[in-house]
Amino acid sequence: MFVSPAPDTASILHADLDSFYASVEQRDDPSLRGKPIAVGASPTGGVVLAASYEAKAFGVSTPMGGVEAWRLCPDLISVPPRFSAYSDASDAVFDIFRDTTPLVEGISIDEAFLDVGGLLRLSGTPTEIATHLRARVRAEVGLPITVGVARTKFLAKVASGVGKPDGLLVVEPHGELDFLHPLPVQRLWGVGAVTAQRLNERGVYSVGDVAALSESAVVALTGKAVGRHLYALAHNLDPRPVETGRRRRSVGAQHALGRRDRTRPDCDAVLAGLVDRVTGRLRGAGRAGRTVTIRVRFHDFTCITRSHTLPEATASSAAVRRIAGALLDRVWLDIEDRGISLLGVAVSQLVDDHAIQMALPFEADVSPALDAALDAVHDRFGGSSLRRGSSVGRTMVSMPLLPD
């Protein structure tokens, strides 16, 4: 892993594809251009995975339910997700990132930090590099991208958010706080709806309002860890460098279930499919993990997670499926009471699979041969070529967890 030194000039880029899934759909289908579209939802249910800017103008957003989205925008067009197309587009864009600078830190499928501080003589100023990068992504991949340029990763990300859609915003060091402090407090990383409401109730509405408080006062309002974090960001204190070559710390996938009631067999079928996908990706990468986590989102959009850590790492579908099922047992009463709109599975604490020590006695339902056969079929014919019988007839929208 290479860690770039902290810059003293505005040389960190945060490049963020605009409304990524929706933009890919509009790129590939000209009839959708200029129209409000929602990926992954319908007028009767589902969850909005992405909304075009035409839809966002009506208040449609993620992860809004389909019924609410169509209430806000009756002319909304439903588009089924095509994750292979999104993955291909992401790969093409990241190729451009890496061709621009070797210092690229991907933080999701559609955004990354780039350090261009050492490229002045070779490629020009950071602003010129960002301008050229945006033009290449538009010309070579056909997608709009917004780039924020600043001295810190935090401020570069804020700049790209303010600069959307399809923009370029540079924050020079001498103007950092003048730019940052008038922004709403929600622009600080870690400030969600609950924290924002708590701060607003105490008269704290802008980043500048946070900066005007003492660190102890911010801690009193939000808690020790969050308070120190917000106080630092409000003063643009972010020493984190751009890191390259980081190995993924977890592998996961999740399934949007919509808002209608789901039975336990429904959830078991989804869970089995998710586990197959996650463990297949682990084996394909030569990795295994010790901690299995499930994520549940209820109908009110609140989320919970439950985890279990094994004594030894595994990439076995059967082993992970058994643990995930036991974790689902622990929250099933809550699901029956509150409903479930999303189910996710992740495996973390990853190690290389050659480091796995096989445990005795071997469990009868853990079959490496079966796992290998399934992987071979999926590699040759695609991930949907072979499905568990329990999933047949169940139409639910799937989406991958973003890489961490």
Protein backbone atom coordinates (compact mmCIF):
# COMPACT_ATOMS: atom_id res chain seq x y z
CA MET A 1 0.00 0.00 0.00
CA PHE A 2 1.29 3.45 -0.92
CA VAL A 3 0.27 6.50 1.14
CA SER A 4 0.71 9.91 -0.44
CA PRO A 5 2.03 12.73 1.74
CA ALA A 6 -0.48 15.30 2.96
CA PRO A 7 -0.58 18.15 0.41
CA ASP A 8 -0.22 21.85 1.13
CA THR A 9 -1.95 22.83 -2.12
CA ALA A 10 -5.36 22.04 -3.62
CA SER A 11 -4.22 18.85 -5.33
CA ILE A 12 -6.68 16.18 -4.16
CA LEU A 13 -9.51 15.40 -6.55
CA HIS A 14 -12.79 13.80 -5.55
CA ALA A 15 -14.33 12.46 -8.75
CA ASP A 16 -17.97 11.38 -8.45
CA LEU A 17 -20.14 10.09 -11.29
CA ASP A 18 -23.48 11.87 -11.37
CA SER A 19 -26.53 9.74 -10.48
CA PHE A 20 -24.50 6.80 -11.73
CA TYR A 21 -27.04 4.01 -12.36
CA ALA A 22 -29.56 6.42 -13.87
CA SER A 23 -26.91 8.06 -16.05
CA VAL A 24 -25.85 4.68 -17.45
CA GLU A 25 -29.48 3.91 -18.31
CA GLN A 26 -29.92 7.26 -20.05
CA ARG A 27 -26.65 6.80 -21.89
CA ASP A 28 -27.67 3.38 -23.22
CA ASP A 29 -31.29 4.26 -24.02
CA PRO A 30 -31.66 7.64 -25.76
CA SER A 31 -35.43 7.57 -25.21
CA LEU A 32 -34.81 8.03 -21.46
CA ARG A 33 -32.66 11.15 -21.81
CA GLY A 34 -34.13 14.26 -20.29
CA LYS A 35 -36.85 12.25 -18.54
CA PRO A 36 -37.43 11.41 -14.87
CA ILE A 37 -36.40 7.81 -14.28
CA ALA A 38 -36.06 5.61 -11.20
CA VAL A 39 -33.87 2.53 -11.24
CA GLY A 40 -35.11 -0.47 -9.27
CA ALA A 41 -38.57 0.75 -8.21
CA SER A 42 -42.07 0.66 -9.63
CA PRO A 43 -45.33 2.51 -8.87
CA THR A 44 -46.42 -0.41 -6.67
CA GLY A 45 -43.27 -0.98 -4.67
CA GLY A 46 -39.56 -1.60 -4.61
CA VAL A 47 -36.83 0.82 -3.61
CA VAL A 48 -35.30 3.60 -5.70
CA LEU A 49 -31.67 2.61 -6.25
CA ALA A 50 -30.94 5.70 -8.35
CA ALA A 51 -32.92 8.64 -9.70
CA SER A 52 -32.10 10.85 -12.66
CA TYR A 53 -31.70 14.56 -12.01
CA GLU A 54 -35.03 15.11 -13.77
CA ALA A 55 -36.60 12.89 -11.09
CA LYS A 56 -34.63 14.48 -8.27
CA ALA A 57 -36.18 17.82 -9.24
CA PHE A 58 -39.50 16.38 -7.98
CA GLY A 59 -37.95 15.22 -4.69
CA VAL A 60 -37.34 11.60 -5.69
CA SER A 61 -34.29 10.19 -3.91
CA THR A 62 -32.69 6.99 -2.65
CA PRO A 63 -33.67 4.79 -0.86
CA MET A 64 -37.24 6.02 -1.30
CA GLY A 65 -40.03 3.50 -1.78
CA GLY A 66 -41.67 3.25 -5.19
CA VAL A 67 -45.12 4.30 -4.00
CA GLU A 68 -43.82 7.54 -2.52
CA ALA A 69 -41.62 8.22 -5.56
CA TRP A 70 -44.56 7.98 -7.96
CA ARG A 71 -46.68 10.14 -5.67
CA LEU A 72 -44.06 12.87 -5.99
CA CYS A 73 -43.53 12.34 -9.72
CA PRO A 74 -46.47 10.61 -11.49
CA ASP A 75 -44.57 10.62 -14.82
CA LEU A 76 -41.62 8.74 -13.34
CA ILE A 77 -40.31 5.94 -15.56
CA SER A 78 -39.36 2.63 -13.95
CA VAL A 79 -36.11 1.05 -15.16
CA PRO A 80 -34.88 -2.38 -13.99
CA PRO A 81 -31.27 -2.40 -12.77
CA ARG A 82 -28.47 -3.82 -14.95
CA PHE A 83 -25.57 -4.34 -12.61
CA SER A 84 -23.26 -5.81 -15.23
CA ALA A 85 -23.58 -2.58 -17.24
CA TYR A 86 -22.81 -0.49 -14.16
CA SER A 87 -19.78 -2.63 -13.34
CA ASP A 88 -18.45 -2.29 -16.91
CA ALA A 89 -18.94 1.49 -16.83
CA SER A 90 -17.20 1.74 -13.47
CA ASP A 91 -14.23 -0.28 -14.74
CA ALA A 92 -13.89 2.03 -17.76
CA VAL A 93 -13.97 5.15 -15.60
CA PHE A 94 -11.43 3.78 -13.12
CA ASP A 95 -9.12 2.96 -16.03
CA ILE A 96 -9.20 6.68 -16.84
CA PHE A 97 -8.52 7.53 -13.19
CA ARG A 98 -5.47 5.27 -13.10
CA ASP A 99 -4.27 6.62 -16.43
CA THR A 100 -4.44 10.11 -14.94
CA THR A 101 -2.44 9.34 -11.78
CA PRO A 102 -1.17 6.22 -10.01
CA LEU A 103 -2.50 7.61 -6.72
CA VAL A 104 -6.15 6.54 -6.88
CA GLU A 105 -8.22 5.53 -3.85
CA GLY A 106 -11.56 4.07 -4.86
CA ILE A 107 -14.25 4.55 -2.23
CA SER A 108 -17.25 3.15 -4.11
CA ILE A 109 -18.28 1.90 -7.52
CA ASP A 110 -18.76 5.47 -8.76
CA GLU A 111 -16.32 7.70 -6.88
CA ALA A 112 -12.66 7.98 -6.00
CA PHE A 113 -9.99 10.26 -4.61
CA LEU A 114 -7.01 11.11 -6.82
CA ASP A 115 -3.80 12.79 -5.72
CA VAL A 116 -2.34 14.83 -8.59
CA GLY A 117 0.07 16.95 -6.57
CA GLY A 118 3.18 15.57 -8.25
CA LEU A 119 1.99 15.99 -11.83
CA LEU A 120 2.41 19.74 -12.37
CA ARG A 121 5.28 19.48 -14.89
CA LEU A 122 3.91 16.37 -16.53
CA SER A 123 0.17 17.06 -16.79
CA GLY A 124 -0.52 20.63 -15.66
CA THR A 125 -2.26 22.17 -12.68
CA PRO A 126 -4.84 20.20 -10.67
CA THR A 127 -7.59 22.28 -12.28
CA GLU A 128 -6.30 21.47 -15.76
CA ILE A 129 -6.02 17.78 -14.87
CA ALA A 130 -9.56 17.73 -13.50
CA THR A 131 -10.88 19.45 -16.62
CA HIS A 132 -9.15 16.92 -18.86
CA LEU A 133 -10.38 13.98 -16.74
CA ARG A 134 -13.99 15.13 -16.97
CA ALA A 135 -13.70 15.52 -20.73
CA ARG A 136 -12.24 12.01 -21.10
CA VAL A 137 -14.98 10.38 -19.00
CA ARG A 138 -17.62 12.15 -21.10
CA ALA A 139 -15.98 11.29 -24.44
CA GLU A 140 -14.79 7.75 -23.71
CA VAL A 141 -17.48 6.43 -21.35
CA GLY A 142 -20.36 8.76 -22.15
CA LEU A 143 -21.13 9.73 -18.56
CA PRO A 144 -21.23 13.02 -16.65
CA ILE A 145 -18.86 13.34 -13.70
CA THR A 146 -18.35 16.04 -11.11
CA VAL A 147 -14.91 16.76 -9.67
CA GLY A 148 -14.09 18.65 -6.50
CA VAL A 149 -10.52 19.86 -5.98
CA ALA A 150 -9.15 20.84 -2.58
CA ARG A 151 -6.26 20.42 -0.16
CA THR A 152 -8.01 17.76 1.97
CA LYS A 153 -10.07 14.70 1.11
CA PHE A 154 -13.00 15.98 3.15
CA LEU A 155 -13.15 19.34 1.42
CA ALA A 156 -12.67 17.79 -2.03
CA LYS A 157 -15.71 15.58 -1.39
CA VAL A 158 -17.73 18.53 -0.16
CA ALA A 159 -16.72 20.50 -3.25
CA SER A 160 -17.88 17.75 -5.59
CA GLY A 161 -21.20 17.60 -3.76
CA VAL A 162 -21.69 21.35 -4.09
CA GLY A 163 -20.52 21.27 -7.71
CA LYS A 164 -23.08 18.69 -8.87
CA PRO A 165 -24.33 17.95 -11.40
CA ASP A 166 -21.63 17.68 -14.08
CA GLY A 167 -19.43 20.37 -12.59
CA LEU A 168 -15.92 21.26 -11.48
CA LEU A 169 -15.34 23.15 -8.25
CA VAL A 170 -11.89 24.13 -6.97
CA VAL A 171 -11.39 25.30 -3.38
CA GLU A 172 -8.04 27.01 -2.98
CA PRO A 173 -6.33 26.92 0.44
CA HIS A 174 -6.81 30.65 1.09
CA GLY A 175 -10.58 30.32 0.67
CA GLU A 176 -11.28 27.04 2.46
CA LEU A 177 -13.19 28.28 5.49
CA ASP A 178 -14.99 31.00 3.52
CA PHE A 179 -16.34 28.23 1.31
CA LEU A 180 -17.02 25.69 4.05
CA HIS A 181 -18.57 27.65 6.91
CA PRO A 182 -21.75 28.93 5.18
CA LEU A 183 -22.74 25.38 4.14
CA PRO A 184 -25.49 23.52 6.03
CA VAL A 185 -24.30 21.28 8.83
CA GLN A 186 -25.44 18.22 6.85
CA ARG A 187 -22.36 18.70 4.63
CA LEU A 188 -20.17 17.38 7.45
CA TRP A 189 -19.39 13.67 7.14
CA GLY A 190 -21.28 11.81 9.83
CA VAL A 191 -24.19 14.25 10.13
CA GLY A 192 -27.37 12.43 9.18
CA ALA A 193 -30.97 13.42 9.74
CA VAL A 194 -30.97 12.61 13.47
CA THR A 195 -27.73 14.44 14.26
CA ALA A 196 -28.76 17.39 12.10
CA GLN A 197 -32.06 17.69 13.95
CA ARG A 198 -30.30 17.54 17.31
CA LEU A 199 -27.92 20.31 16.25
CA ASN A 200 -30.66 22.43 14.67
CA GLU A 201 -32.71 22.26 17.87
CA ARG A 202 -29.78 23.92 19.61
CA GLY A 203 -29.36 26.63 17.02
CA VAL A 204 -26.54 24.98 15.07
CA TYR A 205 -27.46 25.15 11.38
CA SER A 206 -24.24 25.70 9.45
CA VAL A 207 -20.72 24.35 9.48
CA GLY A 208 -19.65 27.77 10.71
CA ASP A 209 -21.98 27.38 13.69
CA VAL A 210 -20.14 24.17 14.61
CA ALA A 211 -16.77 25.86 14.18
CA ALA A 212 -17.85 28.68 16.50
CA LEU A 213 -18.38 26.22 19.36
CA SER A 214 -15.66 24.79 21.54
CA GLU A 215 -14.73 21.18 21.03
CA SER A 216 -16.20 20.30 24.43
CA ALA A 217 -19.51 21.92 23.45
CA VAL A 218 -19.72 19.90 20.23
CA VAL A 219 -18.90 16.74 22.19
CA ALA A 220 -21.67 17.55 24.67
CA LEU A 221 -24.15 17.84 21.80
CA THR A 222 -23.20 14.78 19.79
CA GLY A 223 -21.03 12.47 21.92
CA LYS A 224 -17.28 12.11 22.30
CA ALA A 225 -16.25 10.36 19.09
CA VAL A 226 -18.69 12.15 16.79
CA GLY A 227 -18.12 15.50 18.45
CA ARG A 228 -14.34 15.44 17.99
CA HIS A 229 -14.80 14.33 14.39
CA LEU A 230 -17.26 17.12 13.56
CA TYR A 231 -15.20 19.78 15.32
CA ALA A 232 -12.13 18.82 13.28
CA LEU A 233 -14.00 18.79 9.98
CA ALA A 234 -15.63 22.16 10.71
CA HIS A 235 -12.08 23.57 10.81
CA ASN A 236 -11.09 21.50 7.74
CA LEU A 237 -8.67 19.44 9.81
CA ASP A 238 -8.39 16.25 7.79
CA PRO A 239 -4.86 14.79 7.59
CA ARG A 240 -5.89 11.59 5.79
CA PRO A 241 -3.80 11.02 2.66
CA VAL A 242 -4.88 9.30 -0.53
CA GLU A 243 -4.14 5.60 -0.06
CA THR A 244 -3.67 3.17 -2.92
CA GLY A 245 -3.48 -0.59 -2.98
CA ARG A 246 -5.82 -1.15 -0.05
CA ARG A 247 -7.28 -4.64 -0.01
CA ARG A 248 -10.99 -4.91 0.55
CA ARG A 249 -11.88 -5.44 4.20
CA SER A 250 -15.21 -7.12 3.53
CA VAL A 251 -17.29 -8.64 0.76
CA GLY A 252 -21.05 -8.23 0.81
CA ALA A 253 -24.27 -8.08 -1.16
CA GLN A 254 -27.79 -6.96 -0.41
CA HIS A 255 -31.32 -7.38 -1.74
CA ALA A 256 -34.04 -4.72 -1.86
CA LEU A 257 -37.35 -6.36 -0.98
CA GLY A 258 -39.84 -3.55 -1.51
CA ARG A 259 -42.48 -2.72 1.08
CA ARG A 260 -44.89 -5.64 0.93
CA ASP A 261 -44.82 -8.26 3.65
CA ARG A 262 -42.27 -11.04 3.28
CA THR A 263 -42.53 -14.54 4.71
CA ARG A 264 -39.67 -16.41 6.32
CA PRO A 265 -39.31 -18.67 3.24
CA ASP A 266 -39.02 -15.50 1.11
CA CYS A 267 -36.20 -14.19 3.29
CA ASP A 268 -34.48 -17.56 3.52
CA ALA A 269 -34.43 -17.78 -0.28
CA VAL A 270 -32.97 -14.28 -0.60
CA LEU A 271 -30.43 -15.01 2.12
CA ALA A 272 -29.26 -18.19 0.37
CA GLY A 273 -28.79 -16.32 -2.91
CA LEU A 274 -26.84 -13.55 -1.20
CA VAL A 275 -24.58 -16.03 0.55
CA ASP A 276 -23.90 -17.85 -2.72
CA ARG A 277 -22.94 -14.55 -4.35
CA VAL A 278 -20.70 -13.39 -1.50
CA THR A 279 -18.90 -16.68 -0.98
CA GLY A 280 -18.44 -17.08 -4.73
CA ARG A 281 -16.73 -13.70 -4.86
CA LEU A 282 -14.57 -14.66 -1.88
CA ARG A 283 -13.42 -17.87 -3.51
CA GLY A 284 -12.83 -16.09 -6.82
CA ALA A 285 -10.53 -13.62 -5.05
CA GLY A 286 -8.75 -16.33 -3.06
CA ARG A 287 -10.07 -14.92 0.21
CA ALA A 288 -11.99 -16.15 3.26
CA GLY A 289 -13.41 -14.44 6.33
CA ARG A 290 -14.19 -14.97 9.99
CA THR A 291 -17.06 -12.57 10.66
CA VAL A 292 -20.51 -12.97 9.10
CA THR A 293 -22.87 -9.99 9.29
CA ILE A 294 -26.46 -9.56 8.20
CA ARG A 295 -28.06 -6.18 7.63
CA VAL A 296 -31.82 -5.60 7.85
CA ARG A 297 -33.65 -2.45 6.84
CA PHE A 298 -37.19 -2.13 8.16
CA HIS A 299 -40.15 -0.48 6.46
CA ASP A 300 -39.47 2.74 8.40
CA PHE A 301 -35.94 2.81 6.83
CA THR A 302 -34.16 2.18 10.14
CA CYS A 303 -31.43 -0.47 9.96
CA ILE A 304 -29.88 -3.03 12.27
CA THR A 305 -26.94 -5.40 11.88
CA ARG A 306 -26.10 -8.66 13.61
CA SER A 307 -22.73 -10.41 13.44
CA HIS A 308 -21.03 -13.64 14.46
CA THR A 309 -17.29 -14.33 14.42
CA LEU A 310 -15.93 -17.80 13.72
CA PRO A 311 -12.74 -19.22 15.24
CA GLU A 312 -11.41 -19.93 11.71
CA ALA A 313 -11.91 -18.13 8.40
CA THR A 314 -14.16 -19.75 5.79
CA ALA A 315 -15.40 -19.22 2.24
CA SER A 316 -17.84 -22.13 2.37
CA SER A 317 -21.34 -21.31 1.19
CA ALA A 318 -22.92 -23.80 3.58
CA ALA A 319 -21.04 -22.53 6.62
CA VAL A 320 -21.83 -18.88 5.95
CA ARG A 321 -25.44 -19.70 5.08
CA ARG A 322 -25.93 -21.51 8.39
CA ILE A 323 -24.52 -18.61 10.40
CA ALA A 324 -26.50 -16.00 8.46
CA GLY A 325 -29.68 -18.02 9.03
CA ALA A 326 -29.02 -18.13 12.77
CA LEU A 327 -28.50 -14.34 12.78
CA LEU A 328 -31.80 -13.91 10.93
CA ASP A 329 -33.48 -16.01 13.62
CA ARG A 330 -32.33 -13.45 16.19
CA VAL A 331 -34.15 -10.57 14.49
CA TRP A 332 -37.15 -12.37 13.00
CA LEU A 333 -39.60 -11.17 15.66
CA ASP A 334 -38.60 -7.58 14.89
CA ILE A 335 -39.09 -8.24 11.16
CA GLU A 336 -42.57 -9.64 11.75
CA ASP A 337 -43.43 -6.57 13.79
CA ARG A 338 -41.81 -3.84 11.63
CA GLY A 339 -41.54 -5.35 8.13
CA ILE A 340 -38.39 -5.76 6.05
CA SER A 341 -37.41 -3.76 2.97
CA LEU A 342 -33.78 -4.85 2.53
CA LEU A 343 -31.62 -7.79 3.53
CA GLY A 344 -27.83 -7.88 3.25
CA VAL A 345 -24.99 -10.28 4.01
CA ALA A 346 -21.29 -9.50 4.40
CA VAL A 347 -18.18 -11.44 5.35
CA SER A 348 -15.28 -9.53 6.95
CA GLN A 349 -11.98 -10.07 8.76
CA LEU A 350 -10.64 -11.42 5.49
CA VAL A 351 -7.51 -13.50 5.01
CA ASP A 352 -5.91 -15.18 2.01
CA ASP A 353 -7.42 -18.63 1.56
CA HIS A 354 -4.01 -20.34 1.65
CA ALA A 355 -3.79 -19.22 5.29
CA ILE A 356 -6.92 -21.16 6.26
CA GLN A 357 -6.35 -24.02 8.66
CA MET A 358 -8.89 -26.78 8.06
CA ALA A 359 -10.78 -27.79 11.16
CA LEU A 360 -11.66 -31.33 12.19
CA PRO A 361 -14.06 -33.00 12.09
CA PHE A 362 -15.16 -31.88 8.64
CA GLU A 363 -18.84 -30.94 8.51
CA ALA A 364 -20.97 -33.00 6.17
CA ASP A 365 -22.80 -30.05 4.61
CA VAL A 366 -19.64 -28.09 3.79
CA SER A 367 -18.74 -29.32 0.31
CA PRO A 368 -15.76 -27.69 -1.42
CA ALA A 369 -16.55 -29.77 -4.50
CA LEU A 370 -20.08 -28.37 -4.72
CA ASP A 371 -18.83 -24.82 -4.20
CA ALA A 372 -16.25 -25.29 -6.94
CA ALA A 373 -18.85 -26.70 -9.34
CA LEU A 374 -21.20 -23.77 -8.74
CA ASP A 375 -18.36 -21.30 -9.24
CA ALA A 376 -17.43 -22.93 -12.53
CA VAL A 377 -21.01 -22.73 -13.85
CA HIS A 378 -21.35 -19.09 -12.81
CA ASP A 379 -17.99 -18.17 -14.33
CA ARG A 380 -18.89 -19.72 -17.66
CA PHE A 381 -22.59 -18.90 -18.00
CA GLY A 382 -23.14 -15.92 -15.69
CA GLY A 383 -24.27 -15.36 -12.13
CA SER A 384 -27.95 -15.94 -12.88
CA SER A 385 -27.42 -19.17 -14.86
CA LEU A 386 -27.90 -21.42 -11.83
CA ARG A 387 -30.27 -20.54 -9.01
CA ARG A 388 -31.48 -22.26 -5.88
CA GLY A 389 -34.90 -23.84 -6.22
CA SER A 390 -36.18 -21.79 -3.29
CA SER A 391 -35.61 -18.60 -5.30
CA VAL A 392 -37.61 -19.62 -8.36
CA GLY A 393 -40.65 -17.40 -8.86
CA ARG A 394 -39.45 -14.71 -6.48
CA THR A 395 -38.84 -11.37 -8.19
CA MET A 396 -36.83 -9.09 -5.96
CA VAL A 397 -34.42 -6.32 -6.88
CA SER A 398 -30.81 -7.06 -6.05
CA MET A 399 -27.95 -4.63 -5.67
CA PRO A 400 -24.33 -5.03 -4.65
CA LEU A 401 -22.88 -3.50 -1.54
CA LEU A 402 -20.46 -0.76 -2.45
CA PRO A 403 -16.84 -1.59 -1.88
CA ASP A 404 -15.32 -0.26 1.30
